[in-house]
Amino acid sequence: MAKEYEGKVKFVAVDVDKAGDVAAEFKVEFMPTLVVVKGGDEVGRVVGADEAKIRAMIDEAL
């Protein structure tokens, strides 16, 4: 998916065990969680690995 959205979306993986502060800042309680941030603001969130939901959320944010 990262290759498909290359140049439009930056994907960043966070190890919540090593970066608990980031997980806390974005209120990540379950994994996997995908948070879309645009202009410093959260504009979308998907908990789980539902590819269709993730794609829809990313497309909407673009």
Protein backbone atom coordinates (compact mmCIF):
# COMPACT_ATOMS: atom_id res chain seq x y z
CA MET A 1 0.00 0.00 0.00
CA ALA A 2 2.90 2.37 0.74
CA LYS A 3 4.13 2.01 -2.84
CA GLU A 4 0.66 2.64 -4.22
CA TYR A 5 0.34 5.94 -2.30
CA GLU A 6 4.00 6.94 -2.73
CA GLY A 7 4.37 10.70 -2.95
CA LYS A 8 0.91 11.26 -1.48
CA VAL A 9 1.03 9.56 1.92
CA LYS A 10 3.86 8.93 4.35
CA PHE A 11 3.45 5.68 6.29
CA VAL A 12 5.23 5.47 9.65
CA ALA A 13 5.33 2.37 11.83
CA VAL A 14 5.60 2.91 15.57
CA ASP A 15 6.65 0.21 18.04
CA VAL A 16 4.37 1.07 20.97
CA ASP A 17 6.65 -0.84 23.36
CA LYS A 18 9.54 1.47 22.46
CA ALA A 19 7.56 4.66 21.83
CA GLY A 20 4.85 4.59 24.48
CA ASP A 21 4.69 8.38 24.46
CA VAL A 22 3.59 8.37 20.82
CA ALA A 23 1.01 5.66 21.50
CA ALA A 24 -0.31 7.68 24.44
CA GLU A 25 -0.42 10.91 22.42
CA PHE A 26 -2.58 9.24 19.78
CA LYS A 27 -4.55 7.20 22.34
CA VAL A 28 -3.67 3.86 20.73
CA GLU A 29 -5.28 1.13 22.82
CA PHE A 30 -5.41 -1.77 20.35
CA MET A 31 -3.13 -2.99 17.61
CA PRO A 32 -2.99 -2.62 14.76
CA THR A 33 -4.24 0.95 14.71
CA LEU A 34 -3.78 3.25 11.74
CA VAL A 35 -4.05 6.96 12.46
CA VAL A 36 -4.16 9.46 9.61
CA VAL A 37 -2.66 12.83 10.51
CA LYS A 38 -2.99 15.80 8.18
CA GLY A 39 -1.60 19.20 9.05
CA GLY A 40 -0.87 17.98 12.57
CA ASP A 41 -4.48 16.97 13.22
CA GLU A 42 -5.94 13.46 13.34
CA VAL A 43 -8.36 13.13 10.43
CA GLY A 44 -9.00 9.40 10.54
CA ARG A 45 -8.47 6.18 12.46
CA VAL A 46 -8.94 2.49 11.74
CA VAL A 47 -8.46 -0.16 14.40
CA GLY A 48 -7.76 -3.54 12.86
CA ALA A 49 -6.43 -4.61 9.50
CA ASP A 50 -9.46 -4.08 7.26
CA GLU A 51 -7.76 -3.05 4.02
CA ALA A 52 -10.96 -1.67 2.46
CA LYS A 53 -11.58 0.60 5.46
CA ILE A 54 -7.96 1.75 5.49
CA ARG A 55 -8.01 2.59 1.77
CA ALA A 56 -11.33 4.43 2.08
CA MET A 57 -10.05 6.48 5.01
CA ILE A 58 -6.82 7.39 3.22
CA ASP A 59 -8.63 8.29 0.01
CA GLU A 60 -11.05 10.49 1.95
CA ALA A 61 -8.16 12.27 3.69
CA LEU A 62 -6.50 13.02 0.35
